[in-house]
Amino acid sequence: MNTQLRSFYFNNIYDVRVQIINSEPWFCLNDVCKALTVINSSDLLSKQLDKAG
């Protein structure tokens, strides 16, 4: 498995970590929630996101 950690800045404010796994980007949910001003990332994960991707 080929993995690589990168980060970029969303709106030049928020550092969003991205891990490249098998040539596909996997975004850090906590970082994305901060950039989108989602308050409770745990709630979002358990109730709204598809666990299968």
PDB file of N, CA and C in Angstrom:
ATOM      1  N   MET A   1       0.845  -1.178   0.000  1.00  0.00           N
ATOM      2  CA  MET A   1       0.000   0.000   0.000  1.00  0.00           C
ATOM      3  C   MET A   1       0.891   1.242   0.000  1.00  0.00           C
ATOM      4  N   ASN A   2       0.626   2.155  -0.902  1.00  0.00           N
ATOM      5  CA  ASN A   2       1.389   3.387  -1.018  1.00  0.00           C
ATOM      6  C   ASN A   2       0.623   4.514  -0.327  1.00  0.00           C
ATOM      7  N   THR A   3       1.196   5.095   0.741  1.00  0.00           N
ATOM      8  CA  THR A   3       0.531   6.197   1.442  1.00  0.00           C
ATOM      9  C   THR A   3       1.457   7.397   1.522  1.00  0.00           C
ATOM     10  N   GLN A   4       0.854   8.560   1.476  1.00  0.00           N
ATOM     11  CA  GLN A   4       1.612   9.802   1.520  1.00  0.00           C
ATOM     12  C   GLN A   4       0.732  10.854   2.181  1.00  0.00           C
ATOM     13  N   LEU A   5       1.274  11.605   3.133  1.00  0.00           N
ATOM     14  CA  LEU A   5       0.508  12.641   3.829  1.00  0.00           C
ATOM     15  C   LEU A   5       0.850  14.005   3.254  1.00  0.00           C
ATOM     16  N   ARG A   6      -0.190  14.749   2.902  1.00  0.00           N
ATOM     17  CA  ARG A   6      -0.026  16.100   2.376  1.00  0.00           C
ATOM     18  C   ARG A   6      -1.029  16.996   3.069  1.00  0.00           C
ATOM     19  N   SER A   7      -0.851  18.269   2.934  1.00  0.00           N
ATOM     20  CA  SER A   7      -1.846  19.206   3.451  1.00  0.00           C
ATOM     21  C   SER A   7      -1.943  20.385   2.499  1.00  0.00           C
ATOM     22  N   PHE A   8      -3.087  21.038   2.529  1.00  0.00           N
ATOM     23  CA  PHE A   8      -3.271  22.239   1.741  1.00  0.00           C
ATOM     24  C   PHE A   8      -4.117  23.204   2.548  1.00  0.00           C
ATOM     25  N   TYR A   9      -4.135  24.442   2.134  1.00  0.00           N
ATOM     26  CA  TYR A   9      -4.892  25.460   2.852  1.00  0.00           C
ATOM     27  C   TYR A   9      -6.170  25.791   2.096  1.00  0.00           C
ATOM     28  N   PHE A  10      -7.291  25.667   2.790  1.00  0.00           N
ATOM     29  CA  PHE A  10      -8.601  25.993   2.246  1.00  0.00           C
ATOM     30  C   PHE A  10      -8.887  27.451   2.561  1.00  0.00           C
ATOM     31  N   ASN A  11      -9.130  28.244   1.547  1.00  0.00           N
ATOM     32  CA  ASN A  11      -9.348  29.692   1.704  1.00  0.00           C
ATOM     33  C   ASN A  11      -8.188  30.381   2.424  1.00  0.00           C
ATOM     34  N   ASN A  12      -6.996  29.827   2.285  1.00  0.00           N
ATOM     35  CA  ASN A  12      -5.785  30.372   2.916  1.00  0.00           C
ATOM     36  C   ASN A  12      -5.894  30.505   4.430  1.00  0.00           C
ATOM     37  N   ILE A  13      -6.807  29.767   5.039  1.00  0.00           N
ATOM     38  CA  ILE A  13      -7.002  29.839   6.487  1.00  0.00           C
ATOM     39  C   ILE A  13      -6.874  28.462   7.125  1.00  0.00           C
ATOM     40  N   TYR A  14      -7.573  27.485   6.575  1.00  0.00           N
ATOM     41  CA  TYR A  14      -7.691  26.174   7.202  1.00  0.00           C
ATOM     42  C   TYR A  14      -6.702  25.183   6.606  1.00  0.00           C
ATOM     43  N   ASP A  15      -5.910  24.562   7.450  1.00  0.00           N
ATOM     44  CA  ASP A  15      -4.995  23.513   7.032  1.00  0.00           C
ATOM     45  C   ASP A  15      -5.774  22.207   6.984  1.00  0.00           C
ATOM     46  N   VAL A  16      -5.909  21.637   5.801  1.00  0.00           N
ATOM     47  CA  VAL A  16      -6.652  20.383   5.627  1.00  0.00           C
ATOM     48  C   VAL A  16      -5.656  19.297   5.240  1.00  0.00           C
ATOM     49  N   ARG A  17      -5.555  18.288   6.091  1.00  0.00           N
ATOM     50  CA  ARG A  17      -4.640  17.175   5.822  1.00  0.00           C
ATOM     51  C   ARG A  17      -5.294  16.181   4.869  1.00  0.00           C
ATOM     52  N   VAL A  18      -4.475  15.700   3.938  1.00  0.00           N
ATOM     53  CA  VAL A  18      -4.931  14.731   2.946  1.00  0.00           C
ATOM     54  C   VAL A  18      -3.907  13.615   2.902  1.00  0.00           C
ATOM     55  N   GLN A  19      -4.373  12.390   2.999  1.00  0.00           N
ATOM     56  CA  GLN A  19      -3.472  11.256   2.866  1.00  0.00           C
ATOM     57  C   GLN A  19      -3.765  10.590   1.531  1.00  0.00           C
ATOM     58  N   ILE A  20      -2.745  10.390   0.736  1.00  0.00           N
ATOM     59  CA  ILE A  20      -2.892   9.729  -0.549  1.00  0.00           C
ATOM     60  C   ILE A  20      -2.703   8.228  -0.315  1.00  0.00           C
ATOM     61  N   ILE A  21      -3.755   7.469  -0.556  1.00  0.00           N
ATOM     62  CA  ILE A  21      -3.716   6.017  -0.378  1.00  0.00           C
ATOM     63  C   ILE A  21      -4.077   5.384  -1.710  1.00  0.00           C
ATOM     64  N   ASN A  22      -3.144   4.623  -2.262  1.00  0.00           N
ATOM     65  CA  ASN A  22      -3.339   3.981  -3.565  1.00  0.00           C
ATOM     66  C   ASN A  22      -3.804   4.988  -4.611  1.00  0.00           C
ATOM     67  N   SER A  23      -3.139   6.121  -4.657  1.00  0.00           N
ATOM     68  CA  SER A  23      -3.391   7.191  -5.628  1.00  0.00           C
ATOM     69  C   SER A  23      -4.744   7.883  -5.468  1.00  0.00           C
ATOM     70  N   GLU A  24      -5.397   7.721  -4.320  1.00  0.00           N
ATOM     71  CA  GLU A  24      -6.669   8.378  -4.061  1.00  0.00           C
ATOM     72  C   GLU A  24      -6.561   9.241  -2.809  1.00  0.00           C
ATOM     73  N   PRO A  25      -7.165  10.443  -2.821  1.00  0.00           N
ATOM     74  CA  PRO A  25      -7.094  11.322  -1.651  1.00  0.00           C
ATOM     75  C   PRO A  25      -8.089  10.920  -0.564  1.00  0.00           C
ATOM     76  N   TRP A  26      -7.614  10.882   0.665  1.00  0.00           N
ATOM     77  CA  TRP A  26      -8.464  10.630   1.839  1.00  0.00           C
ATOM     78  C   TRP A  26      -8.302  11.857   2.733  1.00  0.00           C
ATOM     79  N   PHE A  27      -9.384  12.610   2.907  1.00  0.00           N
ATOM     80  CA  PHE A  27      -9.346  13.866   3.645  1.00  0.00           C
ATOM     81  C   PHE A  27      -9.601  13.625   5.130  1.00  0.00           C
ATOM     82  N   CYS A  28      -8.927  14.365   5.983  1.00  0.00           N
ATOM     83  CA  CYS A  28      -9.136  14.293   7.421  1.00  0.00           C
ATOM     84  C   CYS A  28     -10.490  14.940   7.741  1.00  0.00           C
ATOM     85  N   LEU A  29     -11.420  14.157   8.272  1.00  0.00           N
ATOM     86  CA  LEU A  29     -12.771  14.634   8.525  1.00  0.00           C
ATOM     87  C   LEU A  29     -12.786  15.826   9.473  1.00  0.00           C
ATOM     88  N   ASN A  30     -11.991  15.780  10.506  1.00  0.00           N
ATOM     89  CA  ASN A  30     -11.960  16.882  11.465  1.00  0.00           C
ATOM     90  C   ASN A  30     -11.518  18.190  10.803  1.00  0.00           C
ATOM     91  N   ASP A  31     -10.517  18.131   9.951  1.00  0.00           N
ATOM     92  CA  ASP A  31     -10.041  19.322   9.248  1.00  0.00           C
ATOM     93  C   ASP A  31     -11.098  19.863   8.290  1.00  0.00           C
ATOM     94  N   VAL A  32     -11.763  18.981   7.560  1.00  0.00           N
ATOM     95  CA  VAL A  32     -12.811  19.401   6.622  1.00  0.00           C
ATOM     96  C   VAL A  32     -13.966  20.036   7.377  1.00  0.00           C
ATOM     97  N   CYS A  33     -14.356  19.455   8.503  1.00  0.00           N
ATOM     98  CA  CYS A  33     -15.452  20.019   9.297  1.00  0.00           C
ATOM     99  C   CYS A  33     -15.103  21.415   9.811  1.00  0.00           C
ATOM    100  N   LYS A  34     -13.868  21.617  10.224  1.00  0.00           N
ATOM    101  CA  LYS A  34     -13.459  22.952  10.675  1.00  0.00           C
ATOM    102  C   LYS A  34     -13.546  23.952   9.529  1.00  0.00           C
ATOM    103  N   ALA A  35     -13.100  23.559   8.342  1.00  0.00           N
ATOM    104  CA  ALA A  35     -13.126  24.458   7.185  1.00  0.00           C
ATOM    105  C   ALA A  35     -14.553  24.790   6.767  1.00  0.00           C
ATOM    106  N   LEU A  36     -15.475  23.847   6.963  1.00  0.00           N
ATOM    107  CA  LEU A  36     -16.874  24.065   6.579  1.00  0.00           C
ATOM    108  C   LEU A  36     -17.728  24.521   7.755  1.00  0.00           C
ATOM    109  N   THR A  37     -17.098  24.793   8.881  1.00  0.00           N
ATOM    110  CA  THR A  37     -17.741  25.222  10.136  1.00  0.00           C
ATOM    111  C   THR A  37     -18.826  24.253  10.615  1.00  0.00           C
ATOM    112  N   VAL A  38     -18.554  22.968  10.470  1.00  0.00           N
ATOM    113  CA  VAL A  38     -19.411  21.934  11.052  1.00  0.00           C
ATOM    114  C   VAL A  38     -18.942  21.751  12.486  1.00  0.00           C
ATOM    115  N   ILE A  39     -19.839  21.919  13.439  1.00  0.00           N
ATOM    116  CA  ILE A  39     -19.449  21.941  14.846  1.00  0.00           C
ATOM    117  C   ILE A  39     -19.131  20.548  15.398  1.00  0.00           C
ATOM    118  N   ASN A  40     -19.948  19.554  15.097  1.00  0.00           N
ATOM    119  CA  ASN A  40     -19.782  18.240  15.711  1.00  0.00           C
ATOM    120  C   ASN A  40     -19.454  17.202  14.648  1.00  0.00           C
ATOM    121  N   SER A  41     -18.172  16.963  14.410  1.00  0.00           N
ATOM    122  CA  SER A  41     -17.772  15.996  13.386  1.00  0.00           C
ATOM    123  C   SER A  41     -18.149  14.566  13.765  1.00  0.00           C
ATOM    124  N   SER A  42     -18.176  14.241  15.048  1.00  0.00           N
ATOM    125  CA  SER A  42     -18.576  12.897  15.480  1.00  0.00           C
ATOM    126  C   SER A  42     -20.024  12.619  15.138  1.00  0.00           C
ATOM    127  N   ASP A  43     -20.871  13.607  15.336  1.00  0.00           N
ATOM    128  CA  ASP A  43     -22.284  13.467  15.016  1.00  0.00           C
ATOM    129  C   ASP A  43     -22.473  13.295  13.511  1.00  0.00           C
ATOM    130  N   LEU A  44     -21.738  14.066  12.745  1.00  0.00           N
ATOM    131  CA  LEU A  44     -21.805  13.965  11.286  1.00  0.00           C
ATOM    132  C   LEU A  44     -21.381  12.577  10.827  1.00  0.00           C
ATOM    133  N   LEU A  45     -20.329  12.083  11.399  1.00  0.00           N
ATOM    134  CA  LEU A  45     -19.807  10.770  11.020  1.00  0.00           C
ATOM    135  C   LEU A  45     -20.786   9.658  11.334  1.00  0.00           C
ATOM    136  N   SER A  46     -21.382   9.702  12.518  1.00  0.00           N
ATOM    137  CA  SER A  46     -22.258   8.601  12.926  1.00  0.00           C
ATOM    138  C   SER A  46     -23.652   8.648  12.316  1.00  0.00           C
ATOM    139  N   LYS A  47     -24.134   9.824  11.941  1.00  0.00           N
ATOM    140  CA  LYS A  47     -25.522   9.937  11.486  1.00  0.00           C
ATOM    141  C   LYS A  47     -25.709  10.241  10.011  1.00  0.00           C
ATOM    142  N   GLN A  48     -24.728  10.876   9.372  1.00  0.00           N
ATOM    143  CA  GLN A  48     -24.985  11.361   8.027  1.00  0.00           C
ATOM    144  C   GLN A  48     -24.073  10.805   6.940  1.00  0.00           C
ATOM    145  N   LEU A  49     -22.873  10.393   7.273  1.00  0.00           N
ATOM    146  CA  LEU A  49     -21.953   9.917   6.253  1.00  0.00           C
ATOM    147  C   LEU A  49     -22.103   8.420   6.043  1.00  0.00           C
ATOM    148  N   ASP A  50     -21.978   8.003   4.793  1.00  0.00           N
ATOM    149  CA  ASP A  50     -22.037   6.586   4.433  1.00  0.00           C
ATOM    150  C   ASP A  50     -20.723   5.938   4.868  1.00  0.00           C
ATOM    151  N   LYS A  51     -20.790   4.967   5.749  1.00  0.00           N
ATOM    152  CA  LYS A  51     -19.572   4.318   6.270  1.00  0.00           C
ATOM    153  C   LYS A  51     -18.807   3.560   5.194  1.00  0.00           C
ATOM    154  N   ALA A  52     -19.475   3.198   4.112  1.00  0.00           N
ATOM    155  CA  ALA A  52     -18.820   2.470   3.028  1.00  0.00           C
ATOM    156  C   ALA A  52     -18.086   3.409   2.074  1.00  0.00           C
ATOM    157  N   GLY A  53     -18.226   4.709   2.291  1.00  0.00           N
ATOM    158  CA  GLY A  53     -17.527   5.669   1.452  1.00  0.00           C
ATOM    159  C   GLY A  53     -18.453   6.324   0.493  1.00  0.00           C
TER     160      GLY A  53
END
